Amino acid sequence: MQPEVPTPLAQNPVVKAAGSLTRGLWWTGSGTVATRIIHVALTVVMLQKLSLGEMGQWATAWSVLVVVEAFCGLGVNFAIVRMGDLSAAALRGLFSISTLWGFVLAGALAAAAPLMAHVYGEPALVTLLLIAALKLILIGPALVPLGLISRRLRFREIAIAETLAGMVEALSSIGLIVLGFGAAALVWGTAARALVFLAAVFYFQPVRPAWRFPLKEAARAVRFGLHVVSSNLLFQIYRNADYFLIGLRLGIAPLGLYRVGFDIGMSPFETTTNVVNRVGYPIFANVQSEAAILRETFARTARSLLFLLLPIAAFIAIEGRDLFAVVAAPRWQSAVPIAQILCWAGVIRGLVQLFGPLYQAGGRPRLAVYEAALTGTLLALGFALAVFTAPAGRGALWVAWAWLAVYPLVLIWDLYWSRRYFGLTPGRLLAALAPVLPGVVLMGLTMWAAARLVATRFPTTPRLFLVAAAGAACFYLYKNVVLDRRYRSNSS
């Protein structure tokens, strides 16, 4: 028998997948960081210029838009990433289908706008939803080029497109808010983002429409895409159920307050998780046939995600009040406890949301649908219980607690099914995640001590930056000195 020849390191599938993950996180993360820097300026302008009612109007329009947007393209971009054997004619046909479907959804949203305004008692919603419908027209034709770029792991091009689009959205929104457009400024910003993103992906990956194409191929792609769309649609419904219930039960002003708490406490985690998922899904799809490599890649991705999420949560939990004092007008201080609860929910939620791409890339898209249905049911029940039973003035805070209570239950469900179908045991995943935890504990203790040391010696803004710098330095040293030394000693 011939001796087994070890695979060269550069050709090792695990190493190649890890390299793709690192490159993808670098490009996508760099673009997201650049975008988030300017979005911080947008957040500050929003919190200084917009009223509680205008924030509530924006939250309502945004929640309606993202639910409808989840159905855009019928999931063809996910099918393209998963199915590498689609012909050029089928791809052109999917482009035509996706584009036409965008017009259908835009028309449906425009028709429903007066009814939504009547239900919420907010006439301004008609204008906001009509503007939002423009975005749906622009999203449809972008999805096939995006799917092709993602399938080929061209993360640099995706990062450029998303960065340009995000910057245009933020800058246009800031300008329109300053000019007095109110909540409409933010909706126009989302439409501008969609237009720039469409232009960018077409520049990198042009696609021509076709009206005659192989129906069986296109139908197969749409069937797969609909499974993904179903899970995304359920996700967006339960993801926005809190907005719908708070707006209908408690009013637009409390919804505005909750939206600010959510933006500070949860949105950073959503942004980071979306970056990791956009990179993770095509990489999972590329190694789907090798179970061991898929498990290892998933564990590495989860560890990378926690390295990003846990430090943010520690900072918001410890310095939330100073953070709000620096970036927001005094009327938003009541949102601080909401943000401090949601930041921990965001960590668990981010980990849970990694399982959906795993199920989809691993050929089990129905599990993603079932997970979304379970999560949506539990969250909807929790939100309803919160808004209908909470004491006066506490409903929004109780909704935040519902987020934190539900996601550990969903994580248990995911661990069961990922073990059954992918062999990913809780012990294996915990071993991959364990190195993150000591660094976060050290970071938290450092920030806690630093906050008390400088509490009465500096004004709010320098105090915030000093505490953040102390925590970041501690976590950096742990990650890049202690862990690197440990991994070098293990490999030697």
Foldseek 3Di string as FASTA:
>chain_A
DDDDDDDPQVPPLLNVLVVLLVVLCVQQVVLLVLLVVLVLVLLLLCQAQAALLLLLLLLVLVLVLQLLLLPQLLQLLLLLLQDVPQDLQLLQASLVVRLVVLLVSLVVQLVCQVVVCVLLVHVVSNVLSNLSSLLSNLQRNQRSLNSVCLSVSVSNLVSVLQSVLSNQLSVQLSVVSVVPPGSSSNSNSSSSSSNSSSVSSCVVGPGHHDPDGPPVSNVVSSVLSNLVSLLSSLLSCLVSLLSVCCCNQVHSSVSSLLVSLCCLQAVVLVSLLVSLLSSLLSSLLVCLVPLVSSLSSLLLSLQVSLLPQLLSLLLLLQQVQLVCVVRHDPVNSVSSLLSNLSSLLSSLVSNLVSLCSNCSSNVNSNVSNVLSVQLSVQLNVQLVCQSVPPPPPCSSVSSSVSSVVRSVVSVVVSQVVCCVPRVNHPVNSCVSNVLSPVLSVQLSVQLNVLCVVCVPPDDSVVSSVVSSVRSVVSSCCSVVPVVVVVVVVVVD
